[in-house]
Amino acid sequence: MSVPGHEDAGVFIMLEMRWRSTACSNEDWLTRKEAVMASNEVAECCPRFDPGPWDGTERDWQDKRFVKDRVRSFFHIPINFGAVMVRNMKKIEAAGAKLDDMIVLSDENSLWGADVYISVAREVPNADNVTLSGTFVSKAFEGPYQHVHKWIEETKSFVASRGQQIRRLFCYYTTCPKCAKKYGKNYVVILAQV
């Protein structure tokens, strides 16, 4: 969900939901909102993304390693994505399993949650270690998150035009919202397992 002219609206909605659930004062709410706005001044944490290798291409993964976790959502708007990433990145870094070209996939399998897959170099203790194998067709898109449904439909048409059938879909959110804003580009890759 986005409000025209307010790129952080989703974050504020999530904060407001927490505010209502914790019954904090209006002053606390304003302080939290100001903290989110000020945090946009932080240097980027995500590398600049090149969509070329991901647009209209096919890749074969054989036992590609990931740490899997679950994010709570409200109508596909993630509520605790940041906390899930922080928790898992601590484990991944402690295990020396962080990849320079790490990818984070989301399987949006419910209005109320999504499975998140974080690519890793090796098994991570005390984490749900999984592997993905198969052929994946990918399409890269640029624009606001609200267009994901449209991009999924375009990916479905692209895969069908190749005479293939989709077994499973993943979204690869290539940069965090802060870095997307800083770079002026918000790339999302839709991966279709065929």
Protein backbone atom coordinates (compact mmCIF):
# COMPACT_ATOMS: atom_id res chain seq x y z
CA MET A 1 0.00 0.00 0.00
CA SER A 2 1.38 3.43 -0.80
CA VAL A 3 0.17 6.96 -0.40
CA PRO A 4 1.17 9.21 -3.32
CA GLY A 5 4.03 11.44 -2.24
CA HIS A 6 4.68 9.41 0.90
CA GLU A 7 7.23 6.69 0.17
CA ASP A 8 7.38 5.64 3.81
CA ALA A 9 3.61 5.21 4.19
CA GLY A 10 3.91 1.44 4.55
CA VAL A 11 6.43 1.83 7.36
CA PHE A 12 4.19 4.37 9.08
CA ILE A 13 1.19 2.04 8.74
CA MET A 14 3.23 -0.73 10.38
CA LEU A 15 4.36 1.64 13.14
CA GLU A 16 0.82 2.87 13.67
CA MET A 17 -0.38 -0.73 13.97
CA ARG A 18 2.29 -1.35 16.62
CA TRP A 19 1.38 1.92 18.34
CA ARG A 20 -2.27 0.89 18.54
CA SER A 21 -1.35 -2.58 19.78
CA THR A 22 1.00 -1.25 22.47
CA ALA A 23 -1.13 1.79 23.35
CA CYS A 24 1.79 4.22 23.35
CA SER A 25 1.15 7.93 23.58
CA ASN A 26 0.86 10.30 20.62
CA GLU A 27 4.25 11.73 21.58
CA ASP A 28 5.82 8.24 21.31
CA TRP A 29 4.16 7.77 17.92
CA LEU A 30 5.59 11.06 16.63
CA THR A 31 9.03 10.20 18.00
CA ARG A 32 8.94 6.83 16.20
CA LYS A 33 7.77 8.44 12.95
CA GLU A 34 10.54 11.07 13.15
CA ALA A 35 13.10 8.31 13.79
CA VAL A 36 11.99 6.49 10.64
CA MET A 37 12.21 9.69 8.62
CA ALA A 38 15.67 10.49 10.01
CA SER A 39 16.85 6.94 9.28
CA ASN A 40 16.51 7.71 5.56
CA GLU A 41 19.73 9.70 5.92
CA VAL A 42 21.72 6.52 6.63
CA ALA A 43 24.17 5.40 3.93
CA GLU A 44 23.00 2.61 1.68
CA CYS A 45 23.43 -0.95 2.85
CA CYS A 46 22.55 -2.69 -0.43
CA PRO A 47 24.80 -2.81 -3.49
CA ARG A 48 23.54 -1.16 -6.66
CA PHE A 49 21.53 -3.74 -8.63
CA ASP A 50 22.13 -4.58 -12.31
CA PRO A 51 18.87 -5.96 -13.74
CA GLY A 52 20.45 -7.18 -17.00
CA PRO A 53 21.50 -10.67 -15.85
CA TRP A 54 18.05 -11.21 -14.32
CA ASP A 55 15.76 -9.94 -17.08
CA GLY A 56 14.31 -12.66 -19.30
CA THR A 57 16.93 -15.19 -18.29
CA GLU A 58 16.95 -18.74 -17.03
CA ARG A 59 19.13 -20.21 -14.29
CA ASP A 60 19.56 -23.70 -12.94
CA TRP A 61 20.08 -24.12 -9.22
CA GLN A 62 21.21 -27.38 -7.73
CA ASP A 63 20.91 -27.47 -3.92
CA LYS A 64 21.32 -23.68 -3.60
CA ARG A 65 21.51 -22.98 0.14
CA PHE A 66 19.14 -20.67 1.95
CA VAL A 67 18.07 -19.86 5.49
CA LYS A 68 14.27 -19.86 5.59
CA ASP A 69 12.09 -17.88 7.99
CA ARG A 70 8.54 -16.55 8.17
CA VAL A 71 7.40 -12.93 8.04
CA ARG A 72 4.02 -11.84 9.36
CA SER A 73 2.00 -9.72 6.94
CA PHE A 74 -1.23 -7.78 6.79
CA PHE A 75 -2.66 -8.09 3.27
CA HIS A 76 0.87 -8.76 1.95
CA ILE A 77 2.32 -5.73 3.77
CA PRO A 78 5.17 -7.13 5.89
CA ILE A 79 4.91 -6.31 9.58
CA ASN A 80 8.11 -7.77 11.03
CA PHE A 81 10.41 -8.08 8.00
CA GLY A 82 13.18 -5.97 9.56
CA ALA A 83 13.21 -8.00 12.79
CA VAL A 84 13.29 -11.28 10.84
CA MET A 85 16.22 -10.05 8.72
CA VAL A 86 18.19 -8.78 11.73
CA ARG A 87 17.65 -12.05 13.61
CA ASN A 88 18.80 -14.14 10.66
CA MET A 89 21.69 -11.91 9.61
CA LYS A 90 23.17 -12.22 13.12
CA LYS A 91 23.12 -16.02 12.77
CA ILE A 92 24.43 -15.92 9.19
CA GLU A 93 27.30 -13.57 10.03
CA ALA A 94 28.20 -15.55 13.17
CA ALA A 95 28.44 -18.69 11.02
CA GLY A 96 30.59 -16.91 8.41
CA ALA A 97 27.94 -17.79 5.83
CA LYS A 98 27.17 -14.33 4.40
CA LEU A 99 27.49 -14.06 0.63
CA ASP A 100 28.68 -10.91 -1.13
CA ASP A 101 25.95 -11.46 -3.72
CA MET A 102 23.26 -12.48 -1.23
CA ILE A 103 19.71 -12.67 -2.50
CA VAL A 104 16.54 -12.54 -0.45
CA LEU A 105 13.53 -14.29 -1.92
CA SER A 106 9.96 -14.01 -0.72
CA ASP A 107 7.29 -16.62 -1.28
CA GLU A 108 4.11 -14.55 -0.85
CA ASN A 109 1.98 -17.59 -0.02
CA SER A 110 -0.61 -15.87 2.19
CA LEU A 111 -2.25 -12.50 2.85
CA TRP A 112 -1.00 -12.93 6.43
CA GLY A 113 2.59 -14.02 5.91
CA ALA A 114 5.41 -14.94 3.57
CA ASP A 115 8.32 -17.34 3.63
CA VAL A 116 11.65 -15.55 3.28
CA TYR A 117 14.71 -17.27 1.84
CA ILE A 118 18.15 -15.72 2.45
CA SER A 119 20.97 -17.21 0.35
CA VAL A 120 23.98 -18.43 2.36
CA ALA A 121 27.41 -19.93 1.70
CA ARG A 122 27.08 -22.80 4.19
CA GLU A 123 24.77 -24.30 6.77
CA VAL A 124 23.83 -21.92 9.59
CA PRO A 125 23.43 -23.33 13.14
CA ASN A 126 20.08 -22.75 14.87
CA ALA A 127 18.38 -21.77 11.60
CA ASP A 128 16.01 -23.47 9.18
CA ASN A 129 18.52 -24.49 6.48
CA VAL A 130 16.91 -25.41 3.15
CA THR A 131 18.00 -25.86 -0.44
CA LEU A 132 16.27 -24.94 -3.68
CA SER A 133 16.87 -26.91 -6.86
CA GLY A 134 15.42 -26.51 -10.31
CA THR A 135 15.14 -24.23 -13.30
CA PHE A 136 14.08 -20.66 -12.64
CA VAL A 137 12.99 -18.12 -15.26
CA SER A 138 13.35 -14.52 -14.14
CA LYS A 139 12.04 -11.12 -15.18
CA ALA A 140 13.29 -7.84 -13.75
CA PHE A 141 11.00 -4.87 -13.15
CA GLU A 142 11.45 -1.33 -11.85
CA GLY A 143 8.85 0.68 -10.00
CA PRO A 144 6.81 0.85 -6.79
CA TYR A 145 5.95 -2.33 -4.87
CA GLN A 146 2.26 -1.77 -5.56
CA HIS A 147 2.91 -3.07 -9.11
CA VAL A 148 4.07 -6.52 -8.00
CA HIS A 149 0.74 -8.13 -8.95
CA LYS A 150 1.04 -6.69 -12.49
CA TRP A 151 4.65 -7.90 -12.73
CA ILE A 152 3.63 -11.40 -11.65
CA GLU A 153 1.03 -11.47 -14.44
CA GLU A 154 3.67 -10.30 -16.96
CA THR A 155 6.02 -13.03 -15.75
CA LYS A 156 3.28 -15.65 -16.10
CA SER A 157 2.68 -14.52 -19.72
CA PHE A 158 6.42 -14.54 -20.44
CA VAL A 159 6.82 -18.09 -19.09
CA ALA A 160 3.76 -19.28 -21.03
CA SER A 161 5.17 -17.75 -24.23
CA ARG A 162 8.21 -19.99 -23.74
CA GLY A 163 5.96 -23.05 -23.56
CA GLN A 164 6.70 -23.60 -19.87
CA GLN A 165 4.48 -23.98 -16.81
CA ILE A 166 5.09 -22.32 -13.45
CA ARG A 167 5.46 -24.57 -10.43
CA ARG A 168 6.23 -21.83 -7.90
CA LEU A 169 6.81 -18.04 -7.82
CA PHE A 170 9.27 -16.00 -5.76
CA CYS A 171 9.84 -12.25 -5.48
CA TYR A 172 13.44 -11.07 -5.20
CA TYR A 173 13.43 -7.64 -3.61
CA THR A 174 16.87 -6.45 -4.72
CA THR A 175 17.32 -3.53 -2.33
CA CYS A 176 15.81 -2.30 0.88
CA PRO A 177 13.40 0.68 0.61
CA LYS A 178 16.06 3.12 1.87
CA CYS A 179 18.59 2.09 -0.78
CA ALA A 180 15.95 2.04 -3.53
CA LYS A 181 15.10 5.62 -2.61
CA LYS A 182 18.76 6.63 -2.49
CA TYR A 183 19.54 5.04 -5.89
CA GLY A 184 16.31 6.30 -7.44
CA LYS A 185 15.47 2.80 -8.71
CA ASN A 186 13.38 0.07 -7.10
CA TYR A 187 14.12 -3.20 -8.89
CA VAL A 188 12.12 -6.35 -8.19
CA VAL A 189 12.80 -9.68 -9.88
CA ILE A 190 10.04 -12.25 -10.25
CA LEU A 191 11.45 -15.78 -10.36
CA ALA A 192 9.28 -18.57 -11.71
CA GLN A 193 10.32 -22.12 -10.98
CA VAL A 194 9.40 -24.11 -14.11
